[in-house]
């Protein structure tokens, strides 16, 4: 009789462990989806904040390059792809050389 109770306890423990693993995996997947959706919304809606003053950045287009601009301090924020595009355009100027040097490091 004790063996039967021991076996039932082991079976319940195994079922509980499998259930815990299932829900932990499901929770991780849902959190990943939520993080991706939140990151996508932040960049697509221009919800990033200015690192200098904290104001919400606005996405604007300057000479076919999309950048984030701060409406209050007028700072411009570029990512690596935008810098590469500018460096190709400004091939021989000091700005182009500076950008290429910054991208390499």
N, C-alpha and C. Protein backbone atom coordinates (compact mmCIF):
# COMPACT_ATOMS: atom_id res chain seq x y z
N UNK A 1 0.81 -1.19 0.00
CA UNK A 1 0.00 0.00 0.00
C UNK A 1 0.87 1.27 0.00
N UNK A 2 1.97 1.24 0.73
CA UNK A 2 2.88 2.39 0.79
C UNK A 2 3.52 2.62 -0.56
N UNK A 3 3.81 1.53 -1.29
CA UNK A 3 4.38 1.68 -2.64
C UNK A 3 3.42 2.38 -3.57
N UNK A 4 2.13 2.07 -3.43
CA UNK A 4 1.12 2.68 -4.29
C UNK A 4 1.04 4.19 -4.02
N UNK A 5 1.04 4.58 -2.74
CA UNK A 5 1.01 6.01 -2.40
C UNK A 5 2.27 6.71 -2.89
N UNK A 6 3.42 6.07 -2.76
CA UNK A 6 4.68 6.64 -3.21
C UNK A 6 4.66 6.86 -4.72
N UNK A 7 4.12 5.87 -5.45
CA UNK A 7 4.04 5.97 -6.90
C UNK A 7 3.07 7.08 -7.31
N UNK A 8 1.94 7.21 -6.62
CA UNK A 8 0.98 8.29 -6.92
C UNK A 8 1.61 9.66 -6.65
N UNK A 9 2.38 9.77 -5.55
CA UNK A 9 3.06 11.03 -5.25
C UNK A 9 4.05 11.39 -6.34
N UNK A 10 4.81 10.42 -6.80
CA UNK A 10 5.79 10.65 -7.87
C UNK A 10 5.08 11.08 -9.15
N UNK A 11 3.97 10.42 -9.46
CA UNK A 11 3.21 10.76 -10.67
C UNK A 11 2.68 12.19 -10.58
N UNK A 12 2.13 12.58 -9.42
CA UNK A 12 1.64 13.94 -9.23
C UNK A 12 2.78 14.96 -9.33
N UNK A 13 3.93 14.63 -8.76
CA UNK A 13 5.09 15.52 -8.85
C UNK A 13 5.54 15.71 -10.29
N UNK A 14 5.55 14.63 -11.07
CA UNK A 14 5.94 14.71 -12.47
C UNK A 14 4.94 15.56 -13.26
N UNK A 15 3.65 15.35 -13.04
CA UNK A 15 2.63 16.13 -13.73
C UNK A 15 2.75 17.61 -13.37
N UNK A 16 2.99 17.90 -12.10
CA UNK A 16 3.15 19.29 -11.65
C UNK A 16 4.37 19.93 -12.31
N UNK A 17 5.48 19.20 -12.39
CA UNK A 17 6.69 19.73 -13.02
C UNK A 17 6.46 20.01 -14.50
N UNK A 18 5.78 19.10 -15.19
CA UNK A 18 5.49 19.32 -16.62
C UNK A 18 4.57 20.52 -16.81
N UNK A 19 3.59 20.66 -15.93
CA UNK A 19 2.68 21.79 -16.00
C UNK A 19 3.44 23.10 -15.76
N UNK A 20 4.32 23.11 -14.77
CA UNK A 20 5.12 24.31 -14.48
C UNK A 20 6.01 24.68 -15.67
N UNK A 21 6.63 23.67 -16.30
CA UNK A 21 7.47 23.94 -17.47
C UNK A 21 6.64 24.51 -18.62
N UNK A 22 5.45 23.94 -18.84
CA UNK A 22 4.58 24.42 -19.92
C UNK A 22 4.22 25.89 -19.72
N UNK A 23 3.77 26.23 -18.51
CA UNK A 23 3.35 27.61 -18.27
C UNK A 23 4.54 28.57 -18.25
N UNK A 24 5.69 28.14 -17.79
CA UNK A 24 6.88 28.99 -17.82
C UNK A 24 7.28 29.29 -19.26
N UNK A 25 7.24 28.28 -20.13
CA UNK A 25 7.57 28.48 -21.55
C UNK A 25 6.56 29.40 -22.21
N UNK A 26 5.27 29.20 -21.91
CA UNK A 26 4.22 30.04 -22.48
C UNK A 26 4.39 31.48 -22.03
N UNK A 27 4.70 31.68 -20.74
CA UNK A 27 4.91 33.03 -20.24
C UNK A 27 6.11 33.71 -20.90
N UNK A 28 7.20 32.96 -21.11
CA UNK A 28 8.38 33.52 -21.78
C UNK A 28 8.02 33.95 -23.21
N UNK A 29 7.28 33.11 -23.92
CA UNK A 29 6.91 33.44 -25.30
C UNK A 29 6.01 34.67 -25.34
N UNK A 30 5.05 34.76 -24.42
CA UNK A 30 4.17 35.93 -24.39
C UNK A 30 4.94 37.20 -24.04
N UNK A 31 5.88 37.11 -23.10
CA UNK A 31 6.69 38.27 -22.76
C UNK A 31 7.55 38.72 -23.93
N UNK A 32 8.13 37.75 -24.66
CA UNK A 32 8.93 38.10 -25.84
C UNK A 32 8.08 38.81 -26.88
N UNK A 33 6.85 38.30 -27.12
CA UNK A 33 5.96 38.94 -28.08
C UNK A 33 5.62 40.37 -27.64
N UNK A 34 5.35 40.54 -26.36
CA UNK A 34 5.01 41.87 -25.86
C UNK A 34 6.18 42.82 -25.99
N UNK A 35 7.40 42.35 -25.69
CA UNK A 35 8.59 43.20 -25.81
C UNK A 35 8.82 43.59 -27.27
N UNK A 36 8.66 42.64 -28.19
CA UNK A 36 8.84 42.95 -29.61
C UNK A 36 7.80 43.94 -30.08
N UNK A 37 6.56 43.76 -29.66
CA UNK A 37 5.50 44.68 -30.06
C UNK A 37 5.75 46.07 -29.50
N UNK A 38 6.19 46.14 -28.26
CA UNK A 38 6.46 47.43 -27.64
C UNK A 38 7.65 48.12 -28.32
N UNK A 39 8.69 47.38 -28.65
CA UNK A 39 9.84 47.96 -29.34
C UNK A 39 9.44 48.44 -30.73
N UNK A 40 8.62 47.66 -31.42
CA UNK A 40 8.16 48.06 -32.75
C UNK A 40 7.31 49.30 -32.70
N UNK A 41 6.45 49.41 -31.70
CA UNK A 41 5.61 50.60 -31.57
C UNK A 41 6.46 51.82 -31.25
N UNK A 42 7.45 51.64 -30.39
CA UNK A 42 8.28 52.79 -29.99
C UNK A 42 9.02 53.36 -31.18
N UNK A 43 9.59 52.51 -32.03
CA UNK A 43 10.35 53.03 -33.15
C UNK A 43 9.44 53.50 -34.27
N UNK A 44 8.33 52.80 -34.52
CA UNK A 44 7.46 53.19 -35.62
C UNK A 44 6.68 54.46 -35.30
N UNK A 45 6.38 54.71 -34.05
CA UNK A 45 5.62 55.90 -33.69
C UNK A 45 6.52 57.03 -33.22
N UNK A 46 7.82 56.82 -33.24
CA UNK A 46 8.73 57.87 -32.81
C UNK A 46 8.63 58.16 -31.32
N UNK A 47 8.45 57.14 -30.50
CA UNK A 47 8.27 57.35 -29.08
C UNK A 47 9.57 57.34 -28.30
N UNK A 48 10.68 57.40 -29.00
CA UNK A 48 11.95 57.44 -28.30
C UNK A 48 12.12 58.81 -27.67
N UNK A 49 12.90 58.85 -26.58
CA UNK A 49 13.13 60.12 -25.90
C UNK A 49 14.53 60.64 -26.19
N UNK A 50 14.64 61.94 -26.19
CA UNK A 50 15.93 62.60 -26.43
C UNK A 50 16.87 62.26 -25.28
N UNK A 51 18.07 61.77 -25.59
CA UNK A 51 19.03 61.46 -24.53
C UNK A 51 19.53 62.71 -23.80
N UNK A 52 19.40 63.87 -24.44
CA UNK A 52 19.91 65.10 -23.85
C UNK A 52 18.90 65.75 -22.90
N UNK A 53 17.64 65.91 -23.36
CA UNK A 53 16.67 66.64 -22.54
C UNK A 53 15.43 65.82 -22.15
N UNK A 54 15.26 64.61 -22.73
CA UNK A 54 14.15 63.74 -22.35
C UNK A 54 12.85 63.98 -23.10
N UNK A 55 12.82 64.92 -24.02
CA UNK A 55 11.62 65.19 -24.81
C UNK A 55 11.41 64.06 -25.83
N UNK A 56 10.14 63.80 -26.16
CA UNK A 56 9.83 62.76 -27.14
C UNK A 56 10.36 63.18 -28.51
N UNK A 57 11.10 62.28 -29.16
CA UNK A 57 11.69 62.59 -30.47
C UNK A 57 10.66 62.46 -31.58
N UNK A 58 10.82 63.27 -32.60
CA UNK A 58 9.96 63.21 -33.78
C UNK A 58 10.78 62.68 -34.95
N UNK A 59 10.21 61.79 -35.74
CA UNK A 59 10.88 61.26 -36.91
C UNK A 59 10.67 62.22 -38.08
N UNK A 60 11.76 62.69 -38.65
CA UNK A 60 11.68 63.64 -39.78
C UNK A 60 12.61 63.17 -40.89
N UNK A 61 12.39 63.70 -42.07
CA UNK A 61 13.21 63.35 -43.23
C UNK A 61 14.01 64.58 -43.66
N UNK A 62 15.34 64.41 -43.71
CA UNK A 62 16.24 65.47 -44.17
C UNK A 62 17.02 64.93 -45.36
N UNK A 63 16.77 65.48 -46.53
CA UNK A 63 17.49 65.08 -47.74
C UNK A 63 17.51 63.56 -47.93
N UNK A 64 16.35 62.95 -47.90
CA UNK A 64 16.17 61.50 -48.10
C UNK A 64 16.79 60.64 -47.01
N UNK A 65 17.11 61.20 -45.87
CA UNK A 65 17.60 60.43 -44.73
C UNK A 65 16.62 60.66 -43.57
N UNK A 66 16.08 59.57 -43.05
CA UNK A 66 15.14 59.66 -41.94
C UNK A 66 15.91 59.68 -40.63
N UNK A 67 15.69 60.71 -39.83
CA UNK A 67 16.38 60.86 -38.56
C UNK A 67 15.35 61.18 -37.47
N UNK A 68 15.79 61.06 -36.22
CA UNK A 68 14.95 61.45 -35.10
C UNK A 68 15.43 62.81 -34.63
N UNK A 69 14.49 63.74 -34.47
CA UNK A 69 14.85 65.11 -34.11
C UNK A 69 14.12 65.49 -32.82
N UNK A 70 14.81 66.19 -31.95
CA UNK A 70 14.21 66.67 -30.71
C UNK A 70 13.60 68.03 -30.97
N UNK A 71 12.31 68.19 -30.74
CA UNK A 71 11.67 69.48 -30.99
C UNK A 71 12.12 70.58 -30.03
N UNK A 72 12.60 70.22 -28.84
CA UNK A 72 12.96 71.28 -27.89
C UNK A 72 14.42 71.70 -28.01
N UNK A 73 15.38 70.76 -28.04
CA UNK A 73 16.79 71.16 -28.10
C UNK A 73 17.35 71.09 -29.53
N UNK A 74 16.54 70.65 -30.48
CA UNK A 74 16.91 70.57 -31.90
C UNK A 74 18.05 69.60 -32.19
N UNK A 75 18.27 68.64 -31.30
CA UNK A 75 19.29 67.63 -31.54
C UNK A 75 18.82 66.63 -32.59
N UNK A 76 19.75 66.11 -33.38
CA UNK A 76 19.44 65.09 -34.38
C UNK A 76 20.08 63.78 -33.95
N UNK A 77 19.35 62.69 -34.06
CA UNK A 77 19.83 61.38 -33.64
C UNK A 77 19.74 60.44 -34.81
N UNK A 78 20.86 59.81 -35.13
CA UNK A 78 20.96 58.92 -36.29
C UNK A 78 21.40 57.54 -35.83
N UNK A 79 20.99 56.52 -36.58
CA UNK A 79 21.50 55.19 -36.31
C UNK A 79 22.60 54.86 -37.32
N UNK A 80 23.16 53.67 -37.22
CA UNK A 80 24.30 53.29 -38.05
C UNK A 80 23.98 53.34 -39.55
N UNK A 81 22.81 52.86 -39.94
CA UNK A 81 22.43 52.87 -41.36
C UNK A 81 22.32 54.28 -41.91
N UNK A 82 21.79 55.17 -41.11
CA UNK A 82 21.67 56.55 -41.55
C UNK A 82 23.04 57.20 -41.68
N UNK A 83 23.95 56.86 -40.77
CA UNK A 83 25.32 57.39 -40.87
C UNK A 83 26.03 56.86 -42.11
N UNK A 84 25.84 55.59 -42.42
CA UNK A 84 26.48 55.02 -43.61
C UNK A 84 25.97 55.71 -44.87
N UNK A 85 24.67 55.97 -44.92
CA UNK A 85 24.09 56.66 -46.08
C UNK A 85 24.70 58.06 -46.23
N UNK A 86 24.85 58.77 -45.13
CA UNK A 86 25.46 60.10 -45.18
C UNK A 86 26.93 60.04 -45.59
N UNK A 87 27.66 59.03 -45.10
CA UNK A 87 29.08 58.94 -45.44
C UNK A 87 29.27 58.64 -46.93
N UNK A 88 28.37 57.88 -47.54
CA UNK A 88 28.46 57.63 -48.98
C UNK A 88 28.21 58.91 -49.76
N UNK A 89 27.27 59.70 -49.28
CA UNK A 89 26.94 60.94 -49.95
C UNK A 89 28.05 61.97 -49.84
N UNK A 90 28.65 62.04 -48.69
CA UNK A 90 29.71 63.02 -48.41
C UNK A 90 31.06 62.33 -48.56
N UNK A 91 31.31 61.76 -49.68
CA UNK A 91 32.46 60.89 -49.90
C UNK A 91 33.80 61.53 -49.55
N UNK A 92 34.09 62.69 -50.07
CA UNK A 92 35.41 63.29 -49.89
C UNK A 92 35.44 64.43 -48.89
N UNK A 93 34.35 64.75 -48.27
CA UNK A 93 34.36 65.86 -47.31
C UNK A 93 34.86 65.40 -45.95
N UNK A 94 35.18 66.34 -45.08
CA UNK A 94 35.66 65.98 -43.75
C UNK A 94 34.57 65.28 -42.97
N UNK A 95 33.30 65.62 -43.23
CA UNK A 95 32.19 64.97 -42.53
C UNK A 95 32.11 63.49 -42.91
N UNK A 96 32.26 63.21 -44.20
CA UNK A 96 32.24 61.82 -44.65
C UNK A 96 33.37 61.01 -44.06
N UNK A 97 34.57 61.59 -44.02
CA UNK A 97 35.71 60.88 -43.42
C UNK A 97 35.49 60.65 -41.93
N UNK A 98 34.94 61.65 -41.25
CA UNK A 98 34.67 61.53 -39.82
C UNK A 98 33.64 60.43 -39.55
N UNK A 99 32.59 60.41 -40.36
CA UNK A 99 31.54 59.40 -40.18
C UNK A 99 32.09 58.01 -40.43
N UNK A 100 32.85 57.83 -41.52
CA UNK A 100 33.42 56.51 -41.81
C UNK A 100 34.34 56.05 -40.69
N UNK A 101 35.12 56.96 -40.15
CA UNK A 101 36.02 56.60 -39.05
C UNK A 101 35.22 56.22 -37.82
N UNK A 102 34.10 56.91 -37.56
CA UNK A 102 33.26 56.60 -36.41
C UNK A 102 32.57 55.26 -36.56
N UNK A 103 32.16 54.92 -37.77
CA UNK A 103 31.47 53.66 -38.03
C UNK A 103 32.42 52.48 -37.84
N UNK A 104 33.66 52.63 -38.26
CA UNK A 104 34.62 51.53 -38.17
C UNK A 104 34.97 51.17 -36.73
N UNK A 105 34.96 52.14 -35.84
CA UNK A 105 35.37 51.85 -34.45
C UNK A 105 34.26 51.35 -33.59
